Amino acid sequence: GGSLRLSCAASGSIFSIYGMGWYRQAPGKQRELVATITGGGRIN
């Protein structure tokens, strides 16, 4: 029932960032795509 906020900051020689997102993996389970966001802000 609680909440957390994850952050992920990219740095380096970046010309442009397109899609970004999050995966998760629990022990004994396949890696799961959690959420994606494109450079234009489209979200799944």
ModelCIF file with pLDDT and N, C-alpha, C, O atoms, coordinates in Angstrom:
data_MODEL
#
_entry.id   MODEL 
#
_entity.id                         1 
_entity.type                       polymer 
_entity.pdbx_number_of_molecules   1 
#
_entity_poly.entity_id                      1 
_entity_poly.type                           'polypeptide(L)' 
_entity_poly.nstd_linkage                   no 
_entity_poly.nstd_monomer                   no 
_entity_poly.pdbx_seq_one_letter_code       GGSLRLSCAASGSIFSIYGMGWYRQAPGKQRELVATITGGGRIN 
_entity_poly.pdbx_seq_one_letter_code_can   GGSLRLSCAASGSIFSIYGMGWYRQAPGKQRELVATITGGGRIN 
_entity_poly.pdbx_strand_id                 A 
#
loop_
_entity_poly_seq.entity_id 
_entity_poly_seq.num 
_entity_poly_seq.mon_id 
_entity_poly_seq.hetero 
1 1  GLY n 
1 2  GLY n 
1 3  SER n 
1 4  LEU n 
1 5  ARG n 
1 6  LEU n 
1 7  SER n 
1 8  CYS n 
1 9  ALA n 
1 10 ALA n 
1 11 SER n 
1 12 GLY n 
1 13 SER n 
1 14 ILE n 
1 15 PHE n 
1 16 SER n 
1 17 ILE n 
1 18 TYR n 
1 19 GLY n 
1 20 MET n 
1 21 GLY n 
1 22 TRP n 
1 23 TYR n 
1 24 ARG n 
1 25 GLN n 
1 26 ALA n 
1 27 PRO n 
1 28 GLY n 
1 29 LYS n 
1 30 GLN n 
1 31 ARG n 
1 32 GLU n 
1 33 LEU n 
1 34 VAL n 
1 35 ALA n 
1 36 THR n 
1 37 ILE n 
1 38 THR n 
1 39 GLY n 
1 40 GLY n 
1 41 GLY n 
1 42 ARG n 
1 43 ILE n 
1 44 ASN n 
#
_struct_asym.id          A 
_struct_asym.entity_id   1 
#
loop_
_ma_qa_metric.id 
_ma_qa_metric.mode 
_ma_qa_metric.name 
_ma_qa_metric.software_group_id 
_ma_qa_metric.type 
1 global pLDDT . pLDDT 
2 local  pLDDT . pLDDT 
#
_ma_qa_metric_global.metric_id      1 
_ma_qa_metric_global.metric_value   95.68 
_ma_qa_metric_global.model_id       1 
_ma_qa_metric_global.ordinal_id     1 
#
loop_
_ma_qa_metric_local.label_asym_id 
_ma_qa_metric_local.label_comp_id 
_ma_qa_metric_local.label_seq_id 
_ma_qa_metric_local.metric_id 
_ma_qa_metric_local.metric_value 
_ma_qa_metric_local.model_id 
_ma_qa_metric_local.ordinal_id 
A GLY 1  2 98.00 1 1  
A GLY 2  2 98.00 1 2  
A SER 3  2 98.00 1 3  
A LEU 4  2 98.00 1 4  
A ARG 5  2 98.00 1 5  
A LEU 6  2 98.00 1 6  
A SER 7  2 98.00 1 7  
A CYS 8  2 98.00 1 8  
A ALA 9  2 97.00 1 9  
A ALA 10 2 96.00 1 10 
A SER 11 2 95.00 1 11 
A GLY 12 2 91.00 1 12 
A SER 13 2 87.00 1 13 
A ILE 14 2 89.00 1 14 
A PHE 15 2 87.00 1 15 
A SER 16 2 92.00 1 16 
A ILE 17 2 94.00 1 17 
A TYR 18 2 95.00 1 18 
A GLY 19 2 97.00 1 19 
A MET 20 2 97.00 1 20 
A GLY 21 2 98.00 1 21 
A TRP 22 2 98.00 1 22 
A TYR 23 2 98.00 1 23 
A ARG 24 2 98.00 1 24 
A GLN 25 2 98.00 1 25 
A ALA 26 2 97.00 1 26 
A PRO 27 2 91.00 1 27 
A GLY 28 2 93.00 1 28 
A LYS 29 2 95.00 1 29 
A GLN 30 2 95.00 1 30 
A ARG 31 2 96.00 1 31 
A GLU 32 2 97.00 1 32 
A LEU 33 2 98.00 1 33 
A VAL 34 2 98.00 1 34 
A ALA 35 2 98.00 1 35 
A THR 36 2 98.00 1 36 
A ILE 37 2 98.00 1 37 
A THR 38 2 96.00 1 38 
A GLY 39 2 92.00 1 39 
A GLY 40 2 91.00 1 40 
A GLY 41 2 93.00 1 41 
A ARG 42 2 97.00 1 42 
A ILE 43 2 98.00 1 43 
A ASN 44 2 98.00 1 44 
#
loop_
_atom_site.group_PDB 
_atom_site.id 
_atom_site.type_symbol 
_atom_site.label_atom_id 
_atom_site.label_alt_id 
_atom_site.label_comp_id 
_atom_site.label_asym_id 
_atom_site.label_entity_id 
_atom_site.label_seq_id 
_atom_site.pdbx_PDB_ins_code 
_atom_site.Cartn_x 
_atom_site.Cartn_y 
_atom_site.Cartn_z 
_atom_site.occupancy 
_atom_site.B_iso_or_equiv 
_atom_site.pdbx_formal_charge 
_atom_site.auth_seq_id 
_atom_site.auth_comp_id 
_atom_site.auth_asym_id 
_atom_site.auth_atom_id 
_atom_site.pdbx_PDB_model_num 
ATOM 1   N N  . GLY A 1 1  ? 0.785  -1.216  0.000   1.00 98.00 ? 1  GLY A N  1 
ATOM 2   C CA . GLY A 1 1  ? 0.000  0.000   0.000   1.00 98.00 ? 1  GLY A CA 1 
ATOM 3   C C  . GLY A 1 1  ? 0.820  1.270   0.000   1.00 98.00 ? 1  GLY A C  1 
ATOM 4   O O  . GLY A 1 1  ? 0.277  2.356   -0.202  1.00 98.00 ? 1  GLY A O  1 
ATOM 5   N N  . GLY A 1 2  ? 2.117  1.153   0.223   1.00 98.00 ? 2  GLY A N  1 
ATOM 6   C CA . GLY A 1 2  ? 2.989  2.307   0.247   1.00 98.00 ? 2  GLY A CA 1 
ATOM 7   C C  . GLY A 1 2  ? 3.410  2.753   -1.138  1.00 98.00 ? 2  GLY A C  1 
ATOM 8   O O  . GLY A 1 2  ? 2.959  2.213   -2.148  1.00 98.00 ? 2  GLY A O  1 
ATOM 9   N N  . SER A 1 3  ? 4.287  3.755   -1.167  1.00 98.00 ? 3  SER A N  1 
ATOM 10  C CA . SER A 1 3  ? 4.728  4.361   -2.417  1.00 98.00 ? 3  SER A CA 1 
ATOM 11  C C  . SER A 1 3  ? 6.237  4.524   -2.451  1.00 98.00 ? 3  SER A C  1 
ATOM 12  O O  . SER A 1 3  ? 6.885  4.677   -1.416  1.00 98.00 ? 3  SER A O  1 
ATOM 13  N N  . LEU A 1 4  ? 6.781  4.487   -3.651  1.00 98.00 ? 4  LEU A N  1 
ATOM 14  C CA . LEU A 1 4  ? 8.171  4.799   -3.917  1.00 98.00 ? 4  LEU A CA 1 
ATOM 15  C C  . LEU A 1 4  ? 8.253  5.543   -5.237  1.00 98.00 ? 4  LEU A C  1 
ATOM 16  O O  . LEU A 1 4  ? 7.398  5.386   -6.108  1.00 98.00 ? 4  LEU A O  1 
ATOM 17  N N  . ARG A 1 5  ? 9.292  6.355   -5.374  1.00 98.00 ? 5  ARG A N  1 
ATOM 18  C CA . ARG A 1 5  ? 9.550  7.037   -6.631  1.00 98.00 ? 5  ARG A CA 1 
ATOM 19  C C  . ARG A 1 5  ? 10.971 6.726   -7.082  1.00 98.00 ? 5  ARG A C  1 
ATOM 20  O O  . ARG A 1 5  ? 11.937 7.053   -6.392  1.00 98.00 ? 5  ARG A O  1 
ATOM 21  N N  . LEU A 1 6  ? 11.088 6.100   -8.230  1.00 98.00 ? 6  LEU A N  1 
ATOM 22  C CA . LEU A 1 6  ? 12.381 5.782   -8.806  1.00 98.00 ? 6  LEU A CA 1 
ATOM 23  C C  . LEU A 1 6  ? 12.802 6.867   -9.788  1.00 98.00 ? 6  LEU A C  1 
ATOM 24  O O  . LEU A 1 6  ? 11.974 7.432   -10.503 1.00 98.00 ? 6  LEU A O  1 
ATOM 25  N N  . SER A 1 7  ? 14.100 7.148   -9.811  1.00 98.00 ? 7  SER A N  1 
ATOM 26  C CA . SER A 1 7  ? 14.661 8.101   -10.749 1.00 98.00 ? 7  SER A CA 1 
ATOM 27  C C  . SER A 1 7  ? 15.796 7.445   -11.516 1.00 98.00 ? 7  SER A C  1 
ATOM 28  O O  . SER A 1 7  ? 16.482 6.565   -10.997 1.00 98.00 ? 7  SER A O  1 
ATOM 29  N N  . CYS A 1 8  ? 15.987 7.873   -12.739 1.00 98.00 ? 8  CYS A N  1 
ATOM 30  C CA . CYS A 1 8  ? 17.059 7.357   -13.582 1.00 98.00 ? 8  CYS A CA 1 
ATOM 31  C C  . CYS A 1 8  ? 17.577 8.501   -14.432 1.00 98.00 ? 8  CYS A C  1 
ATOM 32  O O  . CYS A 1 8  ? 16.867 9.008   -15.301 1.00 98.00 ? 8  CYS A O  1 
ATOM 33  N N  . ALA A 1 9  ? 18.804 8.905   -14.185 1.00 97.00 ? 9  ALA A N  1 
ATOM 34  C CA . ALA A 1 9  ? 19.405 10.041  -14.866 1.00 97.00 ? 9  ALA A CA 1 
ATOM 35  C C  . ALA A 1 9  ? 20.489 9.572   -15.821 1.00 97.00 ? 9  ALA A C  1 
ATOM 36  O O  . ALA A 1 9  ? 21.393 8.831   -15.433 1.00 97.00 ? 9  ALA A O  1 
ATOM 37  N N  . ALA A 1 10 ? 20.397 10.000  -17.055 1.00 96.00 ? 10 ALA A N  1 
ATOM 38  C CA . ALA A 1 10 ? 21.393 9.689   -18.071 1.00 96.00 ? 10 ALA A CA 1 
ATOM 39  C C  . ALA A 1 10 ? 22.396 10.827  -18.191 1.00 96.00 ? 10 ALA A C  1 
ATOM 40  O O  . ALA A 1 10 ? 22.033 12.001  -18.124 1.00 96.00 ? 10 ALA A O  1 
ATOM 41  N N  . SER A 1 11 ? 23.650 10.465  -18.367 1.00 95.00 ? 11 SER A N  1 
ATOM 42  C CA . SER A 1 11 ? 24.692 11.462  -18.541 1.00 95.00 ? 11 SER A CA 1 
ATOM 43  C C  . SER A 1 11 ? 25.745 10.939  -19.505 1.00 95.00 ? 11 SER A C  1 
ATOM 44  O O  . SER A 1 11 ? 25.839 9.736   -19.745 1.00 95.00 ? 11 SER A O  1 
ATOM 45  N N  . GLY A 1 12 ? 26.530 11.849  -20.052 1.00 91.00 ? 12 GLY A N  1 
ATOM 46  C CA . GLY A 1 12 ? 27.581 11.483  -20.979 1.00 91.00 ? 12 GLY A CA 1 
ATOM 47  C C  . GLY A 1 12 ? 27.441 12.209  -22.302 1.00 91.00 ? 12 GLY A C  1 
ATOM 48  O O  . GLY A 1 12 ? 26.805 13.258  -22.396 1.00 91.00 ? 12 GLY A O  1 
ATOM 49  N N  . SER A 1 13 ? 28.047 11.629  -23.316 1.00 87.00 ? 13 SER A N  1 
ATOM 50  C CA . SER A 1 13 ? 28.047 12.233  -24.645 1.00 87.00 ? 13 SER A CA 1 
ATOM 51  C C  . SER A 1 13 ? 26.762 11.870  -25.375 1.00 87.00 ? 13 SER A C  1 
ATOM 52  O O  . SER A 1 13 ? 26.741 10.990  -26.236 1.00 87.00 ? 13 SER A O  1 
ATOM 53  N N  . ILE A 1 14 ? 25.701 12.561  -25.013 1.00 89.00 ? 14 ILE A N  1 
ATOM 54  C CA . ILE A 1 14 ? 24.364 12.271  -25.529 1.00 89.00 ? 14 ILE A CA 1 
ATOM 55  C C  . ILE A 1 14 ? 24.006 13.279  -26.605 1.00 89.00 ? 14 ILE A C  1 
ATOM 56  O O  . ILE A 1 14 ? 24.005 14.487  -26.371 1.00 89.00 ? 14 ILE A O  1 
ATOM 57  N N  . PHE A 1 15 ? 23.702 12.764  -27.785 1.00 87.00 ? 15 PHE A N  1 
ATOM 58  C CA . PHE A 1 15 ? 23.191 13.614  -28.844 1.00 87.00 ? 15 PHE A CA 1 
ATOM 59  C C  . PHE A 1 15 ? 21.681 13.773  -28.727 1.00 87.00 ? 15 PHE A C  1 
ATOM 60  O O  . PHE A 1 15 ? 21.150 14.879  -28.835 1.00 87.00 ? 15 PHE A O  1 
ATOM 61  N N  . SER A 1 16 ? 21.002 12.658  -28.506 1.00 92.00 ? 16 SER A N  1 
ATOM 62  C CA . SER A 1 16 ? 19.554 12.687  -28.380 1.00 92.00 ? 16 SER A CA 1 
ATOM 63  C C  . SER A 1 16 ? 19.092 11.418  -27.680 1.00 92.00 ? 16 SER A C  1 
ATOM 64  O O  . SER A 1 16 ? 19.638 10.340  -27.912 1.00 92.00 ? 16 SER A O  1 
ATOM 65  N N  . ILE A 1 17 ? 18.093 11.549  -26.829 1.00 94.00 ? 17 ILE A N  1 
ATOM 66  C CA . ILE A 1 17 ? 17.463 10.411  -26.177 1.00 94.00 ? 17 ILE A CA 1 
ATOM 67  C C  . ILE A 1 17 ? 16.082 10.210  -26.771 1.00 94.00 ? 17 ILE A C  1 
ATOM 68  O O  . ILE A 1 17 ? 15.288 11.146  -26.864 1.00 94.00 ? 17 ILE A O  1 
ATOM 69  N N  . TYR A 1 18 ? 15.809 8.991   -27.166 1.00 95.00 ? 18 TYR A N  1 
ATOM 70  C CA . TYR A 1 18 ? 14.506 8.651   -27.728 1.00 95.00 ? 18 TYR A CA 1 
ATOM 71  C C  . TYR A 1 18 ? 13.651 8.017   -26.630 1.00 95.00 ? 18 TYR A C  1 
ATOM 72  O O  . TYR A 1 18 ? 13.314 8.689   -25.655 1.00 95.00 ? 18 TYR A O  1 
ATOM 73  N N  . GLY A 1 19 ? 13.300 6.757   -26.766 1.00 97.00 ? 19 GLY A N  1 
ATOM 74  C CA . GLY A 1 19 ? 12.479 6.134   -25.747 1.00 97.00 ? 19 GLY A CA 1 
ATOM 75  C C  . GLY A 1 19 ? 13.240 5.873   -24.454 1.00 97.00 ? 19 GLY A C  1 
ATOM 76  O O  . GLY A 1 19 ? 14.449 5.638   -24.466 1.00 97.00 ? 19 GLY A O  1 
ATOM 77  N N  . MET A 1 20 ? 12.521 5.916   -23.345 1.00 97.00 ? 20 MET A N  1 
ATOM 78  C CA . MET A 1 20 ? 13.039 5.561   -22.039 1.00 97.00 ? 20 MET A CA 1 
ATOM 79  C C  . MET A 1 20 ? 11.995 4.701   -21.345 1.00 97.00 ? 20 MET A C  1 
ATOM 80  O O  . MET A 1 20 ? 10.825 4.699   -21.728 1.00 97.00 ? 20 MET A O  1 
ATOM 81  N N  . GLY A 1 21 ? 12.424 3.972   -20.324 1.00 98.00 ? 21 GLY A N  1 
ATOM 82  C CA . GLY A 1 21 ? 11.448 3.165   -19.624 1.00 98.00 ? 21 GLY A CA 1 
ATOM 83  C C  . GLY A 1 21 ? 12.047 2.322   -18.526 1.00 98.00 ? 21 GLY A C  1 
ATOM 84  O O  . GLY A 1 21 ? 13.203 2.496   -18.138 1.00 98.00 ? 21 GLY A O  1 
ATOM 85  N N  . TRP A 1 22 ? 11.233 1.400   -18.032 1.00 98.00 ? 22 TRP A N  1 
ATOM 86  C CA . TRP A 1 22 ? 11.591 0.573   -16.890 1.00 98.00 ? 22 TRP A CA 1 
ATOM 87  C C  . TRP A 1 22 ? 11.223 -0.878  -17.127 1.00 98.00 ? 22 TRP A C  1 
ATOM 88  O O  . TRP A 1 22 ? 10.132 -1.184  -17.607 1.00 98.00 ? 22 TRP A O  1 
ATOM 89  N N  . TYR A 1 23 ? 12.143 -1.770  -16.786 1.00 98.00 ? 23 TYR A N  1 
ATOM 90  C CA . TYR A 1 23 ? 11.904 -3.198  -16.673 1.00 98.00 ? 23 TYR A CA 1 
ATOM 91  C C  . TYR A 1 23 ? 12.047 -3.594  -15.208 1.00 98.00 ? 23 TYR A C  1 
ATOM 92  O O  . TYR A 1 23 ? 12.615 -2.856  -14.402 1.00 98.00 ? 23 TYR A O  1 
ATOM 93  N N  . ARG A 1 24 ? 11.525 -4.763  -14.881 1.00 98.00 ? 24 ARG A N  1 
ATOM 94  C CA . ARG A 1 24 ? 11.767 -5.326  -13.570 1.00 98.00 ? 24 ARG A CA 1 
ATOM 95  C C  . ARG A 1 24 ? 11.934 -6.835  -13.690 1.00 98.00 ? 24 ARG A C  1 
ATOM 96  O O  . ARG A 1 24 ? 11.417 -7.462  -14.615 1.00 98.00 ? 24 ARG A O  1 
ATOM 97  N N  . GLN A 1 25 ? 12.665 -7.403  -12.738 1.00 98.00 ? 25 GLN A N  1 
ATOM 98  C CA . GLN A 1 25 ? 12.871 -8.837  -12.719 1.00 98.00 ? 25 GLN A CA 1 
ATOM 99  C C  . GLN A 1 25 ? 12.878 -9.329  -11.279 1.00 98.00 ? 25 GLN A C  1 
ATOM 100 O O  . GLN A 1 25 ? 13.672 -8.875  -10.455 1.00 98.00 ? 25 GLN A O  1 
ATOM 101 N N  . ALA A 1 26 ? 11.986 -10.257 -10.995 1.00 97.00 ? 26 ALA A N  1 
ATOM 102 C CA . ALA A 1 26 ? 11.903 -10.892 -9.693  1.00 97.00 ? 26 ALA A CA 1 
ATOM 103 C C  . ALA A 1 26 ? 12.555 -12.268 -9.766  1.00 97.00 ? 26 ALA A C  1 
ATOM 104 O O  . ALA A 1 26 ? 12.593 -12.873 -10.838 1.00 97.00 ? 26 ALA A O  1 
ATOM 105 N N  . PRO A 1 27 ? 13.069 -12.772 -8.646  1.00 91.00 ? 27 PRO A N  1 
ATOM 106 C CA . PRO A 1 27 ? 13.676 -14.105 -8.645  1.00 91.00 ? 27 PRO A CA 1 
ATOM 107 C C  . PRO A 1 27 ? 12.720 -15.165 -9.167  1.00 91.00 ? 27 PRO A C  1 
ATOM 108 O O  . PRO A 1 27 ? 11.570 -15.241 -8.733  1.00 91.00 ? 27 PRO A O  1 
ATOM 109 N N  . GLY A 1 28 ? 13.194 -15.979 -10.093 1.00 93.00 ? 28 GLY A N  1 
ATOM 110 C CA . GLY A 1 28 ? 12.387 -17.047 -10.643 1.00 93.00 ? 28 GLY A CA 1 
ATOM 111 C C  . GLY A 1 28 ? 11.387 -16.625 -11.692 1.00 93.00 ? 28 GLY A C  1 
ATOM 112 O O  . GLY A 1 28 ? 10.609 -17.453 -12.165 1.00 93.00 ? 28 GLY A O  1 
ATOM 113 N N  . LYS A 1 29 ? 11.384 -15.360 -12.069 1.00 95.00 ? 29 LYS A N  1 
ATOM 114 C CA . LYS A 1 29 ? 10.439 -14.867 -13.060 1.00 95.00 ? 29 LYS A CA 1 
ATOM 115 C C  . LYS A 1 29 ? 11.176 -14.230 -14.234 1.00 95.00 ? 29 LYS A C  1 
ATOM 116 O O  . LYS A 1 29 ? 12.329 -13.816 -14.116 1.00 95.00 ? 29 LYS A O  1 
ATOM 117 N N  . GLN A 1 30 ? 10.488 -14.163 -15.359 1.00 95.00 ? 30 GLN A N  1 
ATOM 118 C CA . GLN A 1 30 ? 11.042 -13.506 -16.532 1.00 95.00 ? 30 GLN A CA 1 
ATOM 119 C C  . GLN A 1 30 ? 11.067 -11.995 -16.339 1.00 95.00 ? 30 GLN A C  1 
ATOM 120 O O  . GLN A 1 30 ? 10.271 -11.436 -15.584 1.00 95.00 ? 30 GLN A O  1 
ATOM 121 N N  . ARG A 1 31 ? 11.992 -11.349 -17.033 1.00 96.00 ? 31 ARG A N  1 
ATOM 122 C CA . ARG A 1 31 ? 12.042 -9.903  -16.996 1.00 96.00 ? 31 ARG A CA 1 
ATOM 123 C C  . ARG A 1 31 ? 10.784 -9.330  -17.641 1.00 96.00 ? 31 ARG A C  1 
ATOM 124 O O  . ARG A 1 31 ? 10.353 -9.791  -18.698 1.00 96.00 ? 31 ARG A O  1 
ATOM 125 N N  . GLU A 1 32 ? 10.206 -8.332  -17.003 1.00 97.00 ? 32 GLU A N  1 
ATOM 126 C CA . GLU A 1 32 ? 8.937  -7.760  -17.416 1.00 97.00 ? 32 GLU A CA 1 
ATOM 127 C C  . GLU A 1 32 ? 9.103  -6.291  -17.757 1.00 97.00 ? 32 GLU A C  1 
ATOM 128 O O  . GLU A 1 32 ? 9.709  -5.534  -16.999 1.00 97.00 ? 32 GLU A O  1 
ATOM 129 N N  . LEU A 1 33 ? 8.566  -5.893  -18.892 1.00 98.00 ? 33 LEU A N  1 
ATOM 130 C CA . LEU A 1 33 ? 8.530  -4.480  -19.242 1.00 98.00 ? 33 LEU A CA 1 
ATOM 131 C C  . LEU A 1 33 ? 7.417  -3.814  -18.451 1.00 98.00 ? 33 LEU A C  1 
ATOM 132 O O  . LEU A 1 33 ? 6.254  -4.205  -18.550 1.00 98.00 ? 33 LEU A O  1 
ATOM 133 N N  . VAL A 1 34 ? 7.777  -2.807  -17.667 1.00 98.00 ? 34 VAL A N  1 
ATOM 134 C CA . VAL A 1 34 ? 6.834  -2.155  -16.767 1.00 98.00 ? 34 VAL A CA 1 
ATOM 135 C C  . VAL A 1 34 ? 6.165  -0.961  -17.425 1.00 98.00 ? 34 VAL A C  1 
ATOM 136 O O  . VAL A 1 34 ? 4.939  -0.848  -17.415 1.00 98.00 ? 34 VAL A O  1 
ATOM 137 N N  . ALA A 1 35 ? 6.964  -0.072  -17.995 1.00 98.00 ? 35 ALA A N  1 
ATOM 138 C CA . ALA A 1 35 ? 6.431  1.165   -18.560 1.00 98.00 ? 35 ALA A CA 1 
ATOM 139 C C  . ALA A 1 35 ? 7.434  1.753   -19.533 1.00 98.00 ? 35 ALA A C  1 
ATOM 140 O O  . ALA A 1 35 ? 8.644  1.607   -19.358 1.00 98.00 ? 35 ALA A O  1 
ATOM 141 N N  . THR A 1 36 ? 6.921  2.421   -20.564 1.00 98.00 ? 36 THR A N  1 
ATOM 142 C CA . THR A 1 36 ? 7.764  3.085   -21.542 1.00 98.00 ? 36 THR A CA 1 
ATOM 143 C C  . THR A 1 36 ? 7.225  4.478   -21.809 1.00 98.00 ? 36 THR A C  1 
ATOM 144 O O  . THR A 1 36 ? 6.032  4.741   -21.657 1.00 98.00 ? 36 THR A O  1 
ATOM 145 N N  . ILE A 1 37 ? 8.123  5.364   -22.211 1.00 98.00 ? 37 ILE A N  1 
ATOM 146 C CA . ILE A 1 37 ? 7.734  6.708   -22.618 1.00 98.00 ? 37 ILE A CA 1 
ATOM 147 C C  . ILE A 1 37 ? 8.645  7.124   -23.758 1.00 98.00 ? 37 ILE A C  1 
ATOM 148 O O  . ILE A 1 37 ? 9.868  7.032   -23.648 1.00 98.00 ? 37 ILE A O  1 
ATOM 149 N N  . THR A 1 38 ? 8.053  7.580   -24.851 1.00 96.00 ? 38 THR A N  1 
ATOM 150 C CA . THR A 1 38 ? 8.820  8.001   -26.005 1.00 96.00 ? 38 THR A CA 1 
ATOM 151 C C  . THR A 1 38 ? 9.303  9.430   -25.817 1.00 96.00 ? 38 THR A C  1 
ATOM 152 O O  . THR A 1 38 ? 8.907  10.121  -24.879 1.00 96.00 ? 38 THR A O  1 
ATOM 153 N N  . GLY A 1 39 ? 10.176 9.860   -26.739 1.00 92.00 ? 39 GLY A N  1 
ATOM 154 C CA . GLY A 1 39 ? 10.641 11.233  -26.694 1.00 92.00 ? 39 GLY A CA 1 
ATOM 155 C C  . GLY A 1 39 ? 9.527  12.238  -26.843 1.00 92.00 ? 39 GLY A C  1 
ATOM 156 O O  . GLY A 1 39 ? 9.636  13.358  -26.345 1.00 92.00 ? 39 GLY A O  1 
ATOM 157 N N  . GLY A 1 40 ? 8.447  11.862  -27.524 1.00 91.00 ? 40 GLY A N  1 
ATOM 158 C CA . GLY A 1 40 ? 7.294  12.719  -27.686 1.00 91.00 ? 40 GLY A CA 1 
ATOM 159 C C  . GLY A 1 40 ? 6.276  12.608  -26.579 1.00 91.00 ? 40 GLY A C  1 
ATOM 160 O O  . GLY A 1 40 ? 5.255  13.295  -26.614 1.00 91.00 ? 40 GLY A O  1 
ATOM 161 N N  . GLY A 1 41 ? 6.526  11.750  -25.580 1.00 93.00 ? 41 GLY A N  1 
ATOM 162 C CA . GLY A 1 41 ? 5.650  11.655  -24.433 1.00 93.00 ? 41 GLY A CA 1 
ATOM 163 C C  . GLY A 1 41 ? 4.576  10.583  -24.504 1.00 93.00 ? 41 GLY A C  1 
ATOM 164 O O  . GLY A 1 41 ? 3.698  10.542  -23.643 1.00 93.00 ? 41 GLY A O  1 
ATOM 165 N N  . ARG A 1 42 ? 4.623  9.717   -25.503 1.00 97.00 ? 42 ARG A N  1 
ATOM 166 C CA . ARG A 1 42 ? 3.661  8.615   -25.576 1.00 97.00 ? 42 ARG A CA 1 
ATOM 167 C C  . ARG A 1 42 ? 4.023  7.554   -24.546 1.00 97.00 ? 42 ARG A C  1 
ATOM 168 O O  . ARG A 1 42 ? 5.189  7.176   -24.425 1.00 97.00 ? 42 ARG A O  1 
ATOM 169 N N  . ILE A 1 43 ? 3.041  7.076   -23.813 1.00 98.00 ? 43 ILE A N  1 
ATOM 170 C CA . ILE A 1 43 ? 3.258  6.216   -22.657 1.00 98.00 ? 43 ILE A CA 1 
ATOM 171 C C  . ILE A 1 43 ? 2.500  4.905   -22.804 1.00 98.00 ? 43 ILE A C  1 
ATOM 172 O O  . ILE A 1 43 ? 1.371  4.873   -23.293 1.00 98.00 ? 43 ILE A O  1 
ATOM 173 N N  . ASN A 1 44 ? 3.142  3.826   -22.371 1.00 98.00 ? 44 ASN A N  1 
ATOM 174 C CA . ASN A 1 44 ? 2.496  2.523   -22.274 1.00 98.00 ? 44 ASN A CA 1 
ATOM 175 C C  . ASN A 1 44 ? 2.882  1.875   -20.953 1.00 98.00 ? 44 ASN A C  1 
ATOM 176 O O  . ASN A 1 44 ? 2.446  0.761   -20.662 1.00 98.00 ? 44 ASN A O  1 
#
